[in-house]
């Protein structure tokens, strides 16, 4: 049993690609919490490398939701535009 508190976790700055990507997908309804993590990672990877299209990145995440895929893409694009990310 340990007696020391866990190490503090430093969050990403608000203007980092990681924060932008994960906040863009944070409250999209998903079937499992890990689906949001996969979607956030794929959006981040797309923002970083710009390989393919955003639609392809979202589709390759394997994101499971009750929303239509086009609706998910529209939500993510809208939130990225709000943050000033050029699409």
N, C-alpha and C. Protein backbone atom coordinates (compact mmCIF):
# COMPACT_ATOMS: atom_id res chain seq x y z
N UNK A 1 0.84 -1.16 0.00
CA UNK A 1 0.00 0.00 0.00
C UNK A 1 0.90 1.24 0.00
N UNK A 2 0.58 2.18 -0.85
CA UNK A 2 1.37 3.40 -0.95
C UNK A 2 0.85 4.47 -0.01
N UNK A 3 1.74 5.32 0.45
CA UNK A 3 1.34 6.39 1.34
C UNK A 3 1.47 7.75 0.69
N UNK A 4 1.99 7.80 -0.53
CA UNK A 4 2.17 9.07 -1.22
C UNK A 4 0.98 9.33 -2.15
N UNK A 5 0.60 10.60 -2.32
CA UNK A 5 -0.48 10.92 -3.27
C UNK A 5 0.03 10.73 -4.70
N UNK A 6 -0.88 10.53 -5.62
CA UNK A 6 -0.46 10.36 -7.02
C UNK A 6 0.15 11.66 -7.55
N UNK A 7 0.96 11.52 -8.56
CA UNK A 7 1.58 12.68 -9.18
C UNK A 7 0.51 13.52 -9.87
N UNK A 8 0.66 14.84 -9.85
CA UNK A 8 -0.33 15.69 -10.53
C UNK A 8 -0.24 15.51 -12.04
N UNK A 9 -1.36 15.69 -12.68
CA UNK A 9 -1.42 15.57 -14.13
C UNK A 9 -1.58 16.98 -14.72
N UNK A 10 -0.68 17.32 -15.59
CA UNK A 10 -0.75 18.63 -16.24
C UNK A 10 -1.60 18.50 -17.51
N UNK A 11 -2.60 19.34 -17.64
CA UNK A 11 -3.45 19.32 -18.83
C UNK A 11 -2.78 20.03 -19.99
N UNK A 12 -3.31 19.81 -21.17
CA UNK A 12 -2.79 20.49 -22.35
C UNK A 12 -3.22 21.94 -22.33
N UNK A 13 -2.42 22.83 -22.90
CA UNK A 13 -2.85 24.23 -23.01
C UNK A 13 -4.09 24.33 -23.88
N UNK A 14 -4.95 25.33 -23.66
CA UNK A 14 -6.21 25.43 -24.40
C UNK A 14 -6.06 25.57 -25.91
N UNK A 15 -4.90 26.05 -26.38
CA UNK A 15 -4.72 26.24 -27.82
C UNK A 15 -3.93 25.12 -28.48
N UNK A 16 -3.66 24.03 -27.76
CA UNK A 16 -2.93 22.91 -28.35
C UNK A 16 -3.85 22.07 -29.24
N UNK A 17 -3.26 21.37 -30.20
CA UNK A 17 -4.06 20.51 -31.09
C UNK A 17 -4.80 19.43 -30.32
N UNK A 18 -4.15 18.90 -29.30
CA UNK A 18 -4.79 17.84 -28.51
C UNK A 18 -6.06 18.34 -27.84
N UNK A 19 -5.97 19.52 -27.22
CA UNK A 19 -7.13 20.08 -26.52
C UNK A 19 -8.24 20.43 -27.51
N UNK A 20 -7.87 20.98 -28.66
CA UNK A 20 -8.86 21.33 -29.68
C UNK A 20 -9.57 20.08 -30.17
N UNK A 21 -8.82 19.03 -30.48
CA UNK A 21 -9.42 17.80 -31.02
C UNK A 21 -10.33 17.13 -30.00
N UNK A 22 -9.84 16.94 -28.78
CA UNK A 22 -10.64 16.22 -27.79
C UNK A 22 -11.84 17.04 -27.31
N UNK A 23 -11.71 18.37 -27.27
CA UNK A 23 -12.86 19.17 -26.86
C UNK A 23 -13.91 19.24 -27.97
N UNK A 24 -13.49 19.06 -29.23
CA UNK A 24 -14.44 19.08 -30.35
C UNK A 24 -15.37 17.86 -30.32
N UNK A 25 -14.93 16.78 -29.70
CA UNK A 25 -15.73 15.55 -29.70
C UNK A 25 -16.23 15.18 -28.31
N UNK A 26 -15.94 16.00 -27.31
CA UNK A 26 -16.16 15.63 -25.91
C UNK A 26 -17.58 15.23 -25.56
N UNK A 27 -18.58 15.93 -26.06
CA UNK A 27 -19.94 15.62 -25.61
C UNK A 27 -20.82 15.04 -26.71
N UNK A 28 -20.21 14.46 -27.73
CA UNK A 28 -20.98 13.74 -28.74
C UNK A 28 -21.41 12.41 -28.11
N UNK A 29 -22.70 12.08 -28.17
CA UNK A 29 -23.14 10.84 -27.51
C UNK A 29 -22.51 9.60 -28.15
N UNK A 30 -21.92 8.76 -27.31
CA UNK A 30 -21.26 7.55 -27.78
C UNK A 30 -21.81 6.36 -27.01
N UNK A 31 -21.64 5.20 -27.58
CA UNK A 31 -22.12 3.99 -26.89
C UNK A 31 -21.22 3.61 -25.73
N UNK A 32 -19.91 3.87 -25.86
CA UNK A 32 -18.96 3.57 -24.80
C UNK A 32 -18.00 4.74 -24.65
N UNK A 33 -17.49 4.99 -23.44
CA UNK A 33 -16.57 6.12 -23.24
C UNK A 33 -15.32 6.04 -24.11
N UNK A 34 -14.83 4.85 -24.37
CA UNK A 34 -13.62 4.71 -25.17
C UNK A 34 -13.84 5.14 -26.62
N UNK A 35 -15.08 5.12 -27.08
CA UNK A 35 -15.37 5.58 -28.44
C UNK A 35 -15.00 7.05 -28.59
N UNK A 36 -15.27 7.85 -27.58
CA UNK A 36 -14.91 9.27 -27.60
C UNK A 36 -13.40 9.43 -27.66
N UNK A 37 -12.67 8.61 -26.91
CA UNK A 37 -11.21 8.69 -26.94
C UNK A 37 -10.66 8.37 -28.32
N UNK A 38 -11.19 7.33 -28.95
CA UNK A 38 -10.73 6.97 -30.30
C UNK A 38 -11.04 8.07 -31.30
N UNK A 39 -12.24 8.63 -31.20
CA UNK A 39 -12.62 9.70 -32.11
C UNK A 39 -11.73 10.92 -31.90
N UNK A 40 -11.50 11.29 -30.66
CA UNK A 40 -10.62 12.43 -30.36
C UNK A 40 -9.22 12.20 -30.89
N UNK A 41 -8.70 10.99 -30.72
CA UNK A 41 -7.36 10.68 -31.23
C UNK A 41 -7.31 10.81 -32.75
N UNK A 42 -8.32 10.29 -33.44
CA UNK A 42 -8.31 10.35 -34.90
C UNK A 42 -8.44 11.78 -35.41
N UNK A 43 -9.24 12.60 -34.72
CA UNK A 43 -9.36 14.00 -35.11
C UNK A 43 -8.02 14.69 -34.87
N UNK A 44 -7.36 14.41 -33.74
CA UNK A 44 -6.04 14.98 -33.47
C UNK A 44 -5.04 14.57 -34.54
N UNK A 45 -5.02 13.29 -34.90
CA UNK A 45 -4.08 12.81 -35.92
C UNK A 45 -4.34 13.51 -37.26
N UNK A 46 -5.60 13.72 -37.57
CA UNK A 46 -5.93 14.42 -38.82
C UNK A 46 -5.46 15.88 -38.75
N UNK A 47 -5.69 16.54 -37.64
CA UNK A 47 -5.25 17.93 -37.49
C UNK A 47 -3.73 18.04 -37.59
N UNK A 48 -3.04 17.04 -37.08
CA UNK A 48 -1.58 17.06 -37.06
C UNK A 48 -0.99 16.84 -38.45
N UNK A 49 -1.49 15.85 -39.17
CA UNK A 49 -0.89 15.46 -40.46
C UNK A 49 -1.67 15.88 -41.68
N UNK A 50 -2.99 16.10 -41.52
CA UNK A 50 -3.87 16.47 -42.64
C UNK A 50 -3.80 15.45 -43.79
N UNK A 51 -3.74 14.18 -43.42
CA UNK A 51 -3.76 13.11 -44.43
C UNK A 51 -5.19 12.65 -44.62
N UNK A 52 -5.65 12.64 -45.85
CA UNK A 52 -7.02 12.26 -46.13
C UNK A 52 -7.96 13.40 -45.77
N UNK A 53 -9.21 13.04 -45.54
CA UNK A 53 -10.22 14.03 -45.19
C UNK A 53 -10.65 13.83 -43.74
N UNK A 54 -11.30 14.83 -43.20
CA UNK A 54 -11.83 14.72 -41.84
C UNK A 54 -12.86 13.60 -41.78
N UNK A 55 -13.66 13.48 -42.82
CA UNK A 55 -14.67 12.41 -42.86
C UNK A 55 -14.01 11.03 -42.77
N UNK A 56 -12.90 10.85 -43.47
CA UNK A 56 -12.18 9.58 -43.42
C UNK A 56 -11.62 9.32 -42.03
N UNK A 57 -11.11 10.37 -41.39
CA UNK A 57 -10.56 10.22 -40.03
C UNK A 57 -11.65 9.81 -39.05
N UNK A 58 -12.83 10.42 -39.19
CA UNK A 58 -13.93 10.08 -38.28
C UNK A 58 -14.42 8.66 -38.54
N UNK A 59 -14.51 8.28 -39.81
CA UNK A 59 -14.96 6.93 -40.15
C UNK A 59 -13.96 5.88 -39.65
N UNK A 60 -12.67 6.17 -39.77
CA UNK A 60 -11.66 5.19 -39.36
C UNK A 60 -11.56 5.04 -37.85
N UNK A 61 -12.17 5.95 -37.10
CA UNK A 61 -12.15 5.85 -35.63
C UNK A 61 -13.00 4.69 -35.13
N UNK A 62 -13.94 4.23 -35.94
CA UNK A 62 -14.83 3.17 -35.48
C UNK A 62 -15.77 3.68 -34.39
N UNK A 63 -16.11 4.95 -34.46
CA UNK A 63 -16.95 5.61 -33.46
C UNK A 63 -18.37 5.07 -33.54
N UNK A 64 -18.88 4.59 -32.41
CA UNK A 64 -20.22 4.03 -32.36
C UNK A 64 -21.17 4.98 -31.65
N UNK A 65 -22.23 5.37 -32.35
CA UNK A 65 -23.21 6.29 -31.81
C UNK A 65 -24.54 6.04 -32.49
N UNK A 66 -25.58 6.63 -31.93
CA UNK A 66 -26.90 6.52 -32.55
C UNK A 66 -27.14 7.63 -33.57
N UNK A 67 -26.23 8.60 -33.65
CA UNK A 67 -26.34 9.67 -34.62
C UNK A 67 -25.93 9.19 -36.01
N UNK A 68 -26.42 9.87 -37.01
CA UNK A 68 -26.00 9.59 -38.38
C UNK A 68 -24.54 10.03 -38.55
N UNK A 69 -23.76 9.31 -39.34
CA UNK A 69 -22.35 9.70 -39.54
C UNK A 69 -22.19 11.13 -40.06
N UNK A 70 -23.10 11.56 -40.92
CA UNK A 70 -23.02 12.92 -41.46
C UNK A 70 -23.22 13.95 -40.35
N UNK A 71 -24.05 13.64 -39.38
CA UNK A 71 -24.30 14.54 -38.26
C UNK A 71 -23.05 14.67 -37.38
N UNK A 72 -22.36 13.55 -37.15
CA UNK A 72 -21.14 13.58 -36.36
C UNK A 72 -20.09 14.44 -37.06
N UNK A 73 -19.94 14.27 -38.37
CA UNK A 73 -18.98 15.07 -39.14
C UNK A 73 -19.35 16.55 -39.06
N UNK A 74 -20.64 16.86 -39.18
CA UNK A 74 -21.08 18.25 -39.12
C UNK A 74 -20.79 18.87 -37.75
N UNK A 75 -21.01 18.11 -36.68
CA UNK A 75 -20.75 18.61 -35.33
C UNK A 75 -19.26 18.89 -35.15
N UNK A 76 -18.42 17.95 -35.56
CA UNK A 76 -16.97 18.13 -35.40
C UNK A 76 -16.49 19.32 -36.23
N UNK A 77 -16.95 19.43 -37.47
CA UNK A 77 -16.53 20.56 -38.31
C UNK A 77 -16.95 21.88 -37.69
N UNK A 78 -18.17 21.95 -37.19
CA UNK A 78 -18.66 23.17 -36.56
C UNK A 78 -17.80 23.58 -35.38
N UNK A 79 -17.47 22.62 -34.53
CA UNK A 79 -16.67 22.93 -33.34
C UNK A 79 -15.23 23.30 -33.71
N UNK A 80 -14.69 22.69 -34.74
CA UNK A 80 -13.34 23.07 -35.16
C UNK A 80 -13.34 24.48 -35.74
N UNK A 81 -14.38 24.81 -36.50
CA UNK A 81 -14.50 26.18 -37.04
C UNK A 81 -14.62 27.20 -35.92
N UNK A 82 -15.37 26.87 -34.88
CA UNK A 82 -15.52 27.77 -33.73
C UNK A 82 -14.17 28.05 -33.08
N UNK A 83 -13.27 27.09 -33.12
CA UNK A 83 -11.94 27.26 -32.53
C UNK A 83 -10.96 27.89 -33.50
N UNK A 84 -11.42 28.20 -34.72
CA UNK A 84 -10.58 28.88 -35.70
C UNK A 84 -9.68 27.96 -36.50
N UNK A 85 -10.02 26.67 -36.54
CA UNK A 85 -9.21 25.71 -37.29
C UNK A 85 -9.65 25.74 -38.76
N UNK A 86 -8.73 26.00 -39.69
CA UNK A 86 -9.11 25.97 -41.10
C UNK A 86 -9.37 24.54 -41.56
N UNK A 87 -10.45 24.35 -42.29
CA UNK A 87 -10.78 23.01 -42.78
C UNK A 87 -10.50 22.98 -44.23
